[in-house]
Each structure stands twice: as C-alpha cells, then as structure tokens.
Amino acid sequence: MTAFRLPLALLVLLAVIAGVFWGSLAVFEAEARREAQARARLYESTLEAEVGRYAHLPFVLSRDPFVIEGAVGGDLDGLNNRLRSFADRAELDAIYLMDPSGLTVASSNAGFLGQNYGFRPYFQAALGGLQGRFYGIGATTREPGYFIADPVRDAEGTVKGVIAIKIDLGALARDWAAGGESVLVANADGDVLLA
C-alpha cells in the first residue's frame, strides 16, 4: 500500500505544480497583452495627434484667396513665397498647389514645381471633391511622408486645383526608436506606414 501511495502522491504533486505553472503563465500572458495593448494605443494616439494637428490645413488653404487666385491663373511667384512661409512655420515638408491634371504650379519646395502627381490617390480623391489622404514614399524626394489634400474651388464651386501638404513622420519614428521598442505601423491594407 505504501508503494502505491508514493507514485500517487508524486502524481498529485506534479499535477499541482503543472496547474500553478499554467495558471501563472496565463496571468503573466494576460498582463503582458494588456501592457502591449496600452502601448499600442499610446503609439496610435501619438500618430493620430501628429497627423491631426495638420489635417485642417489643406482645407483652410483651399479657401485662401491667394491659393484660389493661383488655381485660376493668378500670381504664382507670390503664392510660392506664401506657401514657403506657411510650410516653414508649420514645419511641413511641403505645401503645393496642383492644377486639375496634377501638375504642380506653386509650391513651398521648388523641387515640387513642374512635377505631376495626378496618379496619387490623395490627388484623385481631392479632385473628386473629398479630402485625400495617403502615406507613401515621395515621388520627388524619395522620402516617406503623409499627404493630405483638399480641392480648391472657384467662386462658382468648380474644382480648379488641389492643395496638398506633405508631413514628415521621420521625427516621430526616431522618437519611438529612441524609446527602445520596435514599433511597426500598418494601415488596414497591411501597408507598413512607419517602422
């Protein structure tokens, strides 16, 4: 009888140890998951705040009399200076005005002038009357950025062009990297926006 009790006691002890191990593991995993979700929400809100602080700017610029005048064939040299001043103060990579074909006719960044962005989704959405948004590698600068665009309308409401901004998210990515964590941001299509 004693010989039978020892293996039974050992089996019970092993079962208790296994139960404590798996229970502890489940608790630690749940806590790690909660912490990861909280960090992800923090990164998400930081990214949304960075983009959100500029989201209104194309809308406001699309109603600026100087931008409208430029879209209908007015003074582009003065508009270039005005856009450059706005971009510098807002710390944006670029602010630029495109005609209905996508050709850049005025810009805060001379490298954008004469470039055609008619193929970009943000341009196409804005030309259709909506605010366009797009994350991608710049066709001119080859640097990643977040683009936001709005239609520019004349007095009759006809879309005469598109005003767009390019936001550099590099500083945000560098700040995240300095925190020591690996962060990867992807959109709903699975395209990596920031790493």
N, C-alpha and C. Protein backbone atom coordinates (compact mmCIF):
# COMPACT_ATOMS: atom_id res chain seq x y z
N MET A 1 0.82 -1.18 0.00
CA MET A 1 0.00 0.00 0.00
C MET A 1 0.87 1.25 0.00
N THR A 2 1.97 1.28 0.73
CA THR A 2 2.86 2.43 0.80
C THR A 2 3.51 2.66 -0.55
N ALA A 3 3.85 1.60 -1.24
CA ALA A 3 4.48 1.73 -2.56
C ALA A 3 3.51 2.38 -3.54
N PHE A 4 2.22 2.15 -3.36
CA PHE A 4 1.21 2.73 -4.25
C PHE A 4 1.00 4.21 -3.94
N ARG A 5 1.10 4.61 -2.65
CA ARG A 5 0.87 5.98 -2.24
C ARG A 5 1.96 6.91 -2.75
N LEU A 6 3.19 6.50 -2.79
CA LEU A 6 4.30 7.36 -3.23
C LEU A 6 4.12 7.79 -4.68
N PRO A 7 3.86 6.89 -5.64
CA PRO A 7 3.64 7.36 -7.01
C PRO A 7 2.39 8.22 -7.12
N LEU A 8 1.35 7.90 -6.32
CA LEU A 8 0.12 8.69 -6.37
C LEU A 8 0.40 10.09 -5.83
N ALA A 9 1.13 10.20 -4.73
CA ALA A 9 1.47 11.50 -4.15
C ALA A 9 2.34 12.30 -5.12
N LEU A 10 3.28 11.61 -5.78
CA LEU A 10 4.14 12.27 -6.77
C LEU A 10 3.31 12.79 -7.94
N LEU A 11 2.36 12.00 -8.39
CA LEU A 11 1.48 12.43 -9.49
C LEU A 11 0.64 13.63 -9.08
N VAL A 12 0.12 13.62 -7.86
CA VAL A 12 -0.68 14.74 -7.37
C VAL A 12 0.20 15.99 -7.28
N LEU A 13 1.42 15.84 -6.75
CA LEU A 13 2.35 16.97 -6.64
C LEU A 13 2.68 17.52 -8.02
N LEU A 14 2.96 16.66 -8.98
CA LEU A 14 3.26 17.11 -10.35
C LEU A 14 2.06 17.82 -10.98
N ALA A 15 0.85 17.31 -10.69
CA ALA A 15 -0.36 17.95 -11.22
C ALA A 15 -0.54 19.34 -10.61
N VAL A 16 -0.27 19.48 -9.32
CA VAL A 16 -0.38 20.78 -8.65
C VAL A 16 0.65 21.75 -9.23
N ILE A 17 1.89 21.29 -9.40
CA ILE A 17 2.95 22.13 -9.96
C ILE A 17 2.58 22.56 -11.38
N ALA A 18 2.10 21.63 -12.19
CA ALA A 18 1.70 21.96 -13.57
C ALA A 18 0.56 22.96 -13.57
N GLY A 19 -0.41 22.79 -12.67
CA GLY A 19 -1.54 23.72 -12.58
C GLY A 19 -1.09 25.12 -12.20
N VAL A 20 -0.17 25.20 -11.22
CA VAL A 20 0.35 26.51 -10.80
C VAL A 20 1.13 27.14 -11.95
N PHE A 21 1.94 26.35 -12.64
CA PHE A 21 2.73 26.87 -13.77
C PHE A 21 1.83 27.42 -14.87
N TRP A 22 0.85 26.63 -15.31
CA TRP A 22 -0.02 27.07 -16.41
C TRP A 22 -0.91 28.23 -15.98
N GLY A 23 -1.36 28.23 -14.74
CA GLY A 23 -2.16 29.35 -14.23
C GLY A 23 -1.35 30.63 -14.18
N SER A 24 -0.11 30.53 -13.68
CA SER A 24 0.78 31.70 -13.63
C SER A 24 1.10 32.20 -15.03
N LEU A 25 1.36 31.28 -15.94
CA LEU A 25 1.66 31.66 -17.31
C LEU A 25 0.49 32.42 -17.94
N ALA A 26 -0.73 31.94 -17.70
CA ALA A 26 -1.92 32.61 -18.25
C ALA A 26 -2.05 34.03 -17.67
N VAL A 27 -1.79 34.19 -16.37
CA VAL A 27 -1.87 35.51 -15.74
C VAL A 27 -0.81 36.44 -16.32
N PHE A 28 0.42 35.96 -16.45
CA PHE A 28 1.51 36.79 -16.99
C PHE A 28 1.25 37.15 -18.46
N GLU A 29 0.74 36.21 -19.24
CA GLU A 29 0.43 36.50 -20.64
C GLU A 29 -0.67 37.54 -20.76
N ALA A 30 -1.68 37.43 -19.93
CA ALA A 30 -2.79 38.40 -19.96
C ALA A 30 -2.27 39.79 -19.58
N GLU A 31 -1.41 39.87 -18.59
CA GLU A 31 -0.85 41.16 -18.18
C GLU A 31 0.05 41.73 -19.28
N ALA A 32 0.86 40.89 -19.90
CA ALA A 32 1.73 41.36 -21.00
C ALA A 32 0.89 41.84 -22.18
N ARG A 33 -0.20 41.14 -22.45
CA ARG A 33 -1.10 41.54 -23.54
C ARG A 33 -1.74 42.90 -23.23
N ARG A 34 -2.18 43.10 -21.98
CA ARG A 34 -2.78 44.39 -21.58
C ARG A 34 -1.75 45.52 -21.72
N GLU A 35 -0.53 45.27 -21.28
CA GLU A 35 0.52 46.29 -21.39
C GLU A 35 0.84 46.60 -22.85
N ALA A 36 0.92 45.58 -23.70
CA ALA A 36 1.19 45.79 -25.12
C ALA A 36 0.08 46.58 -25.79
N GLN A 37 -1.18 46.27 -25.42
CA GLN A 37 -2.32 47.00 -25.99
C GLN A 37 -2.31 48.45 -25.54
N ALA A 38 -1.93 48.69 -24.30
CA ALA A 38 -1.86 50.07 -23.80
C ALA A 38 -0.77 50.84 -24.53
N ARG A 39 0.39 50.21 -24.75
CA ARG A 39 1.47 50.87 -25.51
C ARG A 39 1.05 51.12 -26.94
N ALA A 40 0.35 50.15 -27.54
CA ALA A 40 -0.12 50.32 -28.92
C ALA A 40 -1.10 51.49 -29.01
N ARG A 41 -1.99 51.61 -28.02
CA ARG A 41 -2.94 52.74 -28.02
C ARG A 41 -2.19 54.06 -27.87
N LEU A 42 -1.13 54.08 -27.07
CA LEU A 42 -0.33 55.29 -26.90
C LEU A 42 0.34 55.67 -28.22
N TYR A 43 0.94 54.69 -28.90
CA TYR A 43 1.57 54.98 -30.19
C TYR A 43 0.53 55.44 -31.21
N GLU A 44 -0.63 54.79 -31.20
CA GLU A 44 -1.70 55.17 -32.13
C GLU A 44 -2.15 56.60 -31.88
N SER A 45 -2.35 56.96 -30.61
CA SER A 45 -2.81 58.32 -30.30
C SER A 45 -1.73 59.35 -30.64
N THR A 46 -0.46 58.99 -30.46
CA THR A 46 0.62 59.90 -30.82
C THR A 46 0.64 60.14 -32.33
N LEU A 47 0.48 59.08 -33.10
CA LEU A 47 0.45 59.21 -34.56
C LEU A 47 -0.77 60.01 -35.01
N GLU A 48 -1.93 59.71 -34.44
CA GLU A 48 -3.15 60.45 -34.79
C GLU A 48 -3.02 61.92 -34.44
N ALA A 49 -2.39 62.23 -33.30
CA ALA A 49 -2.20 63.63 -32.91
C ALA A 49 -1.27 64.34 -33.87
N GLU A 50 -0.20 63.66 -34.30
CA GLU A 50 0.76 64.27 -35.23
C GLU A 50 0.08 64.60 -36.56
N VAL A 51 -0.67 63.65 -37.09
CA VAL A 51 -1.37 63.88 -38.36
C VAL A 51 -2.53 64.86 -38.15
N GLY A 52 -3.23 64.70 -37.03
CA GLY A 52 -4.40 65.52 -36.76
C GLY A 52 -4.10 67.00 -36.61
N ARG A 53 -2.91 67.32 -36.14
CA ARG A 53 -2.61 68.74 -35.97
C ARG A 53 -2.48 69.47 -37.30
N TYR A 54 -2.33 68.72 -38.39
CA TYR A 54 -2.22 69.34 -39.72
C TYR A 54 -3.44 69.09 -40.61
N ALA A 55 -4.34 68.20 -40.19
CA ALA A 55 -5.43 67.76 -41.07
C ALA A 55 -6.31 68.89 -41.57
N HIS A 56 -6.44 69.94 -40.79
CA HIS A 56 -7.29 71.07 -41.19
C HIS A 56 -6.61 72.01 -42.18
N LEU A 57 -5.29 71.98 -42.23
CA LEU A 57 -4.54 72.96 -43.02
C LEU A 57 -4.89 72.97 -44.51
N PRO A 58 -4.94 71.82 -45.20
CA PRO A 58 -5.32 71.88 -46.62
C PRO A 58 -6.72 72.47 -46.82
N PHE A 59 -7.64 72.16 -45.91
CA PHE A 59 -9.00 72.71 -46.00
C PHE A 59 -8.95 74.23 -45.90
N VAL A 60 -8.20 74.74 -44.91
CA VAL A 60 -8.08 76.19 -44.73
C VAL A 60 -7.39 76.82 -45.94
N LEU A 61 -6.30 76.21 -46.39
CA LEU A 61 -5.57 76.76 -47.55
C LEU A 61 -6.43 76.74 -48.81
N SER A 62 -7.29 75.75 -48.95
CA SER A 62 -8.11 75.66 -50.15
C SER A 62 -9.10 76.82 -50.25
N ARG A 63 -9.32 77.51 -49.15
CA ARG A 63 -10.22 78.66 -49.12
C ARG A 63 -9.46 79.99 -49.06
N ASP A 64 -8.14 79.92 -49.03
CA ASP A 64 -7.31 81.12 -49.01
C ASP A 64 -7.42 81.84 -50.35
N PRO A 65 -7.72 83.14 -50.36
CA PRO A 65 -7.88 83.87 -51.63
C PRO A 65 -6.65 83.81 -52.53
N PHE A 66 -5.45 83.77 -51.93
CA PHE A 66 -4.23 83.71 -52.74
C PHE A 66 -4.08 82.35 -53.43
N VAL A 67 -4.49 81.29 -52.73
CA VAL A 67 -4.45 79.94 -53.31
C VAL A 67 -5.49 79.83 -54.43
N ILE A 68 -6.68 80.33 -54.17
CA ILE A 68 -7.73 80.30 -55.20
C ILE A 68 -7.29 81.09 -56.43
N GLU A 69 -6.71 82.27 -56.20
CA GLU A 69 -6.22 83.08 -57.31
C GLU A 69 -5.15 82.32 -58.10
N GLY A 70 -4.26 81.65 -57.40
CA GLY A 70 -3.22 80.86 -58.09
C GLY A 70 -3.83 79.72 -58.89
N ALA A 71 -4.88 79.11 -58.37
CA ALA A 71 -5.52 77.98 -59.06
C ALA A 71 -6.23 78.42 -60.34
N VAL A 72 -6.66 79.68 -60.39
CA VAL A 72 -7.36 80.16 -61.59
C VAL A 72 -6.44 80.97 -62.49
N GLY A 73 -5.13 80.91 -62.23
CA GLY A 73 -4.16 81.54 -63.14
C GLY A 73 -3.54 82.82 -62.65
N GLY A 74 -3.67 83.13 -61.37
CA GLY A 74 -3.11 84.37 -60.82
C GLY A 74 -1.62 84.26 -60.50
N ASP A 75 -1.16 85.15 -59.62
CA ASP A 75 0.26 85.30 -59.26
C ASP A 75 0.79 84.05 -58.54
N LEU A 76 1.66 83.31 -59.24
CA LEU A 76 2.21 82.09 -58.66
C LEU A 76 3.51 82.35 -57.89
N ASP A 77 4.27 83.37 -58.29
CA ASP A 77 5.52 83.69 -57.57
C ASP A 77 5.20 84.11 -56.13
N GLY A 78 4.24 84.99 -55.99
CA GLY A 78 3.82 85.41 -54.65
C GLY A 78 3.26 84.25 -53.85
N LEU A 79 2.54 83.37 -54.53
CA LEU A 79 1.97 82.20 -53.85
C LEU A 79 3.07 81.25 -53.39
N ASN A 80 4.10 81.07 -54.21
CA ASN A 80 5.23 80.22 -53.80
C ASN A 80 5.82 80.73 -52.48
N ASN A 81 6.03 82.04 -52.40
CA ASN A 81 6.59 82.63 -51.17
C ASN A 81 5.65 82.44 -49.99
N ARG A 82 4.36 82.63 -50.23
CA ARG A 82 3.37 82.47 -49.17
C ARG A 82 3.36 81.02 -48.67
N LEU A 83 3.35 80.06 -49.58
CA LEU A 83 3.36 78.64 -49.20
C LEU A 83 4.65 78.27 -48.46
N ARG A 84 5.77 78.84 -48.91
CA ARG A 84 7.05 78.57 -48.25
C ARG A 84 7.01 79.07 -46.80
N SER A 85 6.45 80.25 -46.60
CA SER A 85 6.33 80.82 -45.26
C SER A 85 5.44 79.95 -44.38
N PHE A 86 4.30 79.50 -44.92
CA PHE A 86 3.41 78.63 -44.16
C PHE A 86 4.10 77.31 -43.81
N ALA A 87 4.77 76.72 -44.78
CA ALA A 87 5.43 75.42 -44.56
C ALA A 87 6.52 75.55 -43.50
N ASP A 88 7.28 76.63 -43.56
CA ASP A 88 8.35 76.84 -42.58
C ASP A 88 7.77 76.97 -41.17
N ARG A 89 6.72 77.77 -41.03
CA ARG A 89 6.12 77.98 -39.72
C ARG A 89 5.45 76.72 -39.18
N ALA A 90 4.85 75.95 -40.07
CA ALA A 90 4.16 74.72 -39.65
C ALA A 90 5.11 73.52 -39.57
N GLU A 91 6.35 73.70 -40.01
CA GLU A 91 7.36 72.63 -40.04
C GLU A 91 6.89 71.45 -40.88
N LEU A 92 6.40 71.78 -42.07
CA LEU A 92 5.96 70.77 -43.04
C LEU A 92 7.03 70.58 -44.10
N ASP A 93 7.07 69.39 -44.69
CA ASP A 93 7.99 69.15 -45.79
C ASP A 93 7.63 70.01 -47.00
N ALA A 94 6.33 70.10 -47.28
CA ALA A 94 5.91 70.87 -48.45
C ALA A 94 4.43 71.17 -48.39
N ILE A 95 4.09 72.29 -49.03
CA ILE A 95 2.70 72.64 -49.34
C ILE A 95 2.72 72.97 -50.82
N TYR A 96 1.81 72.38 -51.60
CA TYR A 96 1.86 72.63 -53.03
C TYR A 96 0.48 72.60 -53.65
N LEU A 97 0.36 73.40 -54.72
CA LEU A 97 -0.88 73.55 -55.46
C LEU A 97 -0.73 72.87 -56.81
N MET A 98 -1.70 72.02 -57.15
CA MET A 98 -1.68 71.31 -58.43
C MET A 98 -2.89 71.74 -59.25
N ASP A 99 -2.69 71.77 -60.56
CA ASP A 99 -3.83 72.06 -61.44
C ASP A 99 -4.66 70.78 -61.60
N PRO A 100 -5.79 70.83 -62.31
CA PRO A 100 -6.64 69.64 -62.41
C PRO A 100 -6.01 68.42 -63.09
N SER A 101 -4.87 68.59 -63.74
CA SER A 101 -4.18 67.44 -64.33
C SER A 101 -3.19 66.81 -63.35
N GLY A 102 -2.93 67.51 -62.23
CA GLY A 102 -1.96 67.01 -61.25
C GLY A 102 -0.62 67.71 -61.33
N LEU A 103 -0.45 68.63 -62.25
CA LEU A 103 0.81 69.36 -62.41
C LEU A 103 0.96 70.39 -61.29
N THR A 104 2.09 70.38 -60.61
CA THR A 104 2.33 71.32 -59.52
C THR A 104 2.67 72.69 -60.11
N VAL A 105 1.85 73.68 -59.78
CA VAL A 105 2.02 75.03 -60.33
C VAL A 105 2.57 76.01 -59.30
N ALA A 106 2.46 75.69 -58.02
CA ALA A 106 3.01 76.52 -56.94
C ALA A 106 3.39 75.61 -55.80
N SER A 107 4.48 75.96 -55.11
CA SER A 107 4.95 75.08 -54.03
C SER A 107 5.87 75.81 -53.07
N SER A 108 5.87 75.35 -51.85
CA SER A 108 6.82 75.84 -50.85
C SER A 108 8.21 75.26 -51.12
N ASN A 109 8.27 74.20 -51.87
CA ASN A 109 9.52 73.50 -52.17
C ASN A 109 9.71 73.51 -53.69
N ALA A 110 10.73 74.20 -54.16
CA ALA A 110 10.94 74.36 -55.61
C ALA A 110 11.08 73.02 -56.32
N GLY A 111 11.51 71.98 -55.62
CA GLY A 111 11.65 70.67 -56.23
C GLY A 111 10.33 70.06 -56.68
N PHE A 112 9.24 70.54 -56.13
CA PHE A 112 7.92 70.02 -56.49
C PHE A 112 7.36 70.69 -57.75
N LEU A 113 7.82 71.90 -58.04
CA LEU A 113 7.29 72.65 -59.18
C LEU A 113 7.51 71.87 -60.47
N GLY A 114 6.47 71.81 -61.29
CA GLY A 114 6.55 71.12 -62.57
C GLY A 114 6.36 69.61 -62.48
N GLN A 115 6.26 69.07 -61.27
CA GLN A 115 6.05 67.63 -61.09
C GLN A 115 4.56 67.33 -61.21
N ASN A 116 4.24 66.16 -61.71
CA ASN A 116 2.84 65.78 -61.86
C ASN A 116 2.51 64.66 -60.88
N TYR A 117 1.53 64.93 -60.02
CA TYR A 117 1.10 63.97 -59.00
C TYR A 117 -0.32 63.48 -59.26
N GLY A 118 -0.77 63.60 -60.49
CA GLY A 118 -2.12 63.19 -60.84
C GLY A 118 -2.41 61.72 -60.57
N PHE A 119 -1.41 60.90 -60.47
CA PHE A 119 -1.57 59.47 -60.23
C PHE A 119 -1.74 59.13 -58.75
N ARG A 120 -1.47 60.09 -57.87
CA ARG A 120 -1.52 59.82 -56.44
C ARG A 120 -2.96 59.75 -55.93
N PRO A 121 -3.27 58.79 -55.05
CA PRO A 121 -4.64 58.66 -54.52
C PRO A 121 -5.15 59.91 -53.80
N TYR A 122 -4.28 60.61 -53.08
CA TYR A 122 -4.74 61.81 -52.37
C TYR A 122 -5.17 62.88 -53.37
N PHE A 123 -4.47 62.99 -54.49
CA PHE A 123 -4.84 63.96 -55.52
C PHE A 123 -6.18 63.59 -56.14
N GLN A 124 -6.34 62.33 -56.50
CA GLN A 124 -7.57 61.87 -57.15
C GLN A 124 -8.79 62.06 -56.24
N ALA A 125 -8.63 61.79 -54.94
CA ALA A 125 -9.74 61.99 -54.00
C ALA A 125 -10.11 63.47 -53.92
N ALA A 126 -9.10 64.33 -53.81
CA ALA A 126 -9.36 65.77 -53.70
C ALA A 126 -9.97 66.31 -54.99
N LEU A 127 -9.50 65.85 -56.13
CA LEU A 127 -10.06 66.30 -57.41
C LEU A 127 -11.54 65.91 -57.49
N GLY A 128 -11.90 64.80 -56.82
CA GLY A 128 -13.29 64.36 -56.77
C GLY A 128 -14.11 65.07 -55.71
N GLY A 129 -13.51 66.04 -55.01
CA GLY A 129 -14.24 66.84 -54.04
C GLY A 129 -14.10 66.42 -52.60
N LEU A 130 -13.27 65.41 -52.32
CA LEU A 130 -13.09 64.92 -50.96
C LEU A 130 -11.72 65.30 -50.43
N GLN A 131 -11.53 65.15 -49.13
CA GLN A 131 -10.17 65.29 -48.61
C GLN A 131 -9.44 63.98 -48.89
N GLY A 132 -8.29 64.08 -49.53
CA GLY A 132 -7.50 62.90 -49.82
C GLY A 132 -6.39 62.73 -48.81
N ARG A 133 -6.12 61.48 -48.45
CA ARG A 133 -5.04 61.16 -47.51
C ARG A 133 -4.29 59.95 -48.05
N PHE A 134 -2.98 59.99 -47.85
CA PHE A 134 -2.17 58.90 -48.39
C PHE A 134 -0.82 58.91 -47.69
N TYR A 135 -0.34 57.72 -47.34
CA TYR A 135 1.02 57.59 -46.83
C TYR A 135 1.83 56.90 -47.91
N GLY A 136 2.98 57.45 -48.22
CA GLY A 136 3.81 56.81 -49.23
C GLY A 136 5.18 57.45 -49.32
N ILE A 137 5.99 56.87 -50.17
CA ILE A 137 7.31 57.42 -50.46
C ILE A 137 7.11 58.54 -51.48
N GLY A 138 7.71 59.69 -51.21
CA GLY A 138 7.56 60.83 -52.10
C GLY A 138 8.12 60.55 -53.48
N ALA A 139 7.34 60.86 -54.51
CA ALA A 139 7.78 60.64 -55.88
C ALA A 139 8.93 61.57 -56.25
N THR A 140 9.02 62.72 -55.59
CA THR A 140 10.07 63.69 -55.86
C THR A 140 11.24 63.53 -54.91
N THR A 141 10.94 63.48 -53.62
CA THR A 141 12.01 63.46 -52.61
C THR A 141 12.52 62.07 -52.29
N ARG A 142 11.73 61.05 -52.61
CA ARG A 142 12.05 59.65 -52.26
C ARG A 142 12.08 59.45 -50.75
N GLU A 143 11.46 60.36 -50.01
CA GLU A 143 11.36 60.29 -48.56
C GLU A 143 9.91 59.98 -48.19
N PRO A 144 9.69 59.14 -47.17
CA PRO A 144 8.31 58.83 -46.78
C PRO A 144 7.62 60.04 -46.18
N GLY A 145 6.32 60.08 -46.35
CA GLY A 145 5.53 61.17 -45.78
C GLY A 145 4.06 60.84 -45.81
N TYR A 146 3.31 61.64 -45.09
CA TYR A 146 1.86 61.52 -45.06
C TYR A 146 1.31 62.73 -45.80
N PHE A 147 0.49 62.48 -46.80
CA PHE A 147 -0.03 63.53 -47.67
C PHE A 147 -1.51 63.74 -47.38
N ILE A 148 -1.90 65.01 -47.29
CA ILE A 148 -3.31 65.37 -47.12
C ILE A 148 -3.62 66.44 -48.15
N ALA A 149 -4.74 66.30 -48.84
CA ALA A 149 -5.09 67.24 -49.91
C ALA A 149 -6.57 67.58 -49.89
N ASP A 150 -6.87 68.80 -50.34
CA ASP A 150 -8.25 69.26 -50.45
C ASP A 150 -8.45 69.95 -51.80
N PRO A 151 -9.68 69.93 -52.32
CA PRO A 151 -9.95 70.61 -53.59
C PRO A 151 -9.95 72.13 -53.41
N VAL A 152 -9.50 72.82 -54.45
CA VAL A 152 -9.55 74.29 -54.48
C VAL A 152 -10.63 74.65 -55.50
N ARG A 153 -11.63 75.40 -55.05
CA ARG A 153 -12.78 75.73 -55.91
C ARG A 153 -12.80 77.22 -56.23
N ASP A 154 -13.32 77.53 -57.40
CA ASP A 154 -13.51 78.93 -57.76
C ASP A 154 -14.83 79.43 -57.16
N ALA A 155 -15.19 80.67 -57.47
CA ALA A 155 -16.40 81.28 -56.89
C ALA A 155 -17.67 80.51 -57.24
N GLU A 156 -17.66 79.80 -58.37
CA GLU A 156 -18.83 79.03 -58.78
C GLU A 156 -18.85 77.63 -58.18
N GLY A 157 -17.80 77.26 -57.47
CA GLY A 157 -17.75 75.94 -56.85
C GLY A 157 -17.08 74.87 -57.70
N THR A 158 -16.52 75.26 -58.84
CA THR A 158 -15.83 74.31 -59.71
C THR A 158 -14.43 74.03 -59.17
N VAL A 159 -14.04 72.76 -59.13
CA VAL A 159 -12.69 72.41 -58.67
C VAL A 159 -11.70 72.88 -59.72
N LYS A 160 -10.80 73.78 -59.29
CA LYS A 160 -9.79 74.35 -60.19
C LYS A 160 -8.39 73.84 -59.89
N GLY A 161 -8.25 73.09 -58.83
CA GLY A 161 -6.95 72.56 -58.45
C GLY A 161 -7.04 71.80 -57.15
N VAL A 162 -5.90 71.39 -56.67
CA VAL A 162 -5.79 70.64 -55.42
C VAL A 162 -4.61 71.20 -54.65
N ILE A 163 -4.84 71.50 -53.37
CA ILE A 163 -3.76 71.94 -52.48
C ILE A 163 -3.41 70.77 -51.57
N ALA A 164 -2.13 70.49 -51.43
CA ALA A 164 -1.69 69.33 -50.64
C ALA A 164 -0.56 69.71 -49.70
N ILE A 165 -0.46 68.96 -48.63
CA ILE A 165 0.67 69.09 -47.72
C ILE A 165 1.35 67.74 -47.59
N LYS A 166 2.63 67.79 -47.29
CA LYS A 166 3.38 66.56 -47.01
C LYS A 166 3.95 66.70 -45.60
N ILE A 167 3.57 65.73 -44.75
CA ILE A 167 4.03 65.70 -43.36
C ILE A 167 5.15 64.67 -43.25
N ASP A 168 6.27 65.09 -42.70
CA ASP A 168 7.38 64.17 -42.45
C ASP A 168 7.15 63.49 -41.10
N LEU A 169 7.02 62.17 -41.10
CA LEU A 169 6.82 61.43 -39.86
C LEU A 169 8.13 60.84 -39.34
N GLY A 170 9.24 61.23 -39.96
CA GLY A 170 10.55 60.70 -39.56
C GLY A 170 10.91 61.04 -38.13
N ALA A 171 10.60 62.25 -37.68
CA ALA A 171 10.93 62.64 -36.30
C ALA A 171 10.17 61.78 -35.31
N LEU A 172 8.92 61.50 -35.62
CA LEU A 172 8.11 60.64 -34.75
C LEU A 172 8.71 59.24 -34.69
N ALA A 173 9.10 58.69 -35.83
CA ALA A 173 9.71 57.36 -35.87
C ALA A 173 11.01 57.34 -35.07
N ARG A 174 11.79 58.41 -35.18
CA ARG A 174 13.05 58.49 -34.43
C ARG A 174 12.78 58.55 -32.92
N ASP A 175 11.75 59.29 -32.53
CA ASP A 175 11.39 59.36 -31.10
C ASP A 175 10.99 57.99 -30.58
N TRP A 176 10.20 57.27 -31.38
CA TRP A 176 9.80 55.93 -30.97
C TRP A 176 11.01 55.00 -30.86
N ALA A 177 11.91 55.09 -31.82
CA ALA A 177 13.11 54.24 -31.80
C ALA A 177 13.97 54.54 -30.58
N ALA A 178 14.03 55.81 -30.19
CA ALA A 178 14.82 56.19 -29.03
C ALA A 178 14.24 55.60 -27.75
N GLY A 179 12.96 55.26 -27.76
CA GLY A 179 12.31 54.63 -26.61
C GLY A 179 12.72 53.18 -26.41
N GLY A 180 13.43 52.61 -27.39
CA GLY A 180 13.95 51.27 -27.24
C GLY A 180 13.01 50.15 -27.66
N GLU A 181 11.84 50.50 -28.17
CA GLU A 181 10.90 49.46 -28.61
C GLU A 181 10.84 49.42 -30.12
N SER A 182 10.55 48.25 -30.64
CA SER A 182 10.33 48.12 -32.08
C SER A 182 8.85 48.36 -32.33
N VAL A 183 8.56 49.33 -33.20
CA VAL A 183 7.17 49.69 -33.50
C VAL A 183 6.98 49.61 -35.00
N LEU A 184 5.89 48.98 -35.40
CA LEU A 184 5.54 48.86 -36.81
C LEU A 184 4.09 49.32 -36.95
N VAL A 185 3.86 50.32 -37.82
CA VAL A 185 2.51 50.83 -38.03
C VAL A 185 2.10 50.47 -39.45
N ALA A 186 0.94 49.83 -39.57
CA ALA A 186 0.43 49.43 -40.88
C ALA A 186 -1.01 49.92 -41.01
N ASN A 187 -1.42 50.16 -42.26
CA ASN A 187 -2.81 50.57 -42.47
C ASN A 187 -3.69 49.33 -42.63
N ALA A 188 -4.97 49.55 -42.90
CA ALA A 188 -5.93 48.45 -43.00
C ALA A 188 -5.59 47.50 -44.15
N ASP A 189 -4.87 47.99 -45.16
CA ASP A 189 -4.47 47.14 -46.29
C ASP A 189 -3.20 46.35 -46.01
N GLY A 190 -2.60 46.58 -44.84
CA GLY A 190 -1.36 45.88 -44.49
C GLY A 190 -0.11 46.58 -44.97
N ASP A 191 -0.26 47.78 -45.53
CA ASP A 191 0.91 48.55 -45.97
C ASP A 191 1.58 49.15 -44.75
N VAL A 192 2.90 48.95 -44.63
CA VAL A 192 3.64 49.48 -43.50
C VAL A 192 3.80 50.98 -43.69
N LEU A 193 3.34 51.75 -42.68
CA LEU A 193 3.42 53.20 -42.74
C LEU A 193 4.65 53.73 -42.04
N LEU A 194 5.01 53.10 -40.95
CA LEU A 194 6.13 53.56 -40.13
C LEU A 194 6.75 52.36 -39.46
N ALA A 195 8.05 52.40 -39.34
CA ALA A 195 8.74 51.30 -38.64
C ALA A 195 9.90 51.88 -37.86
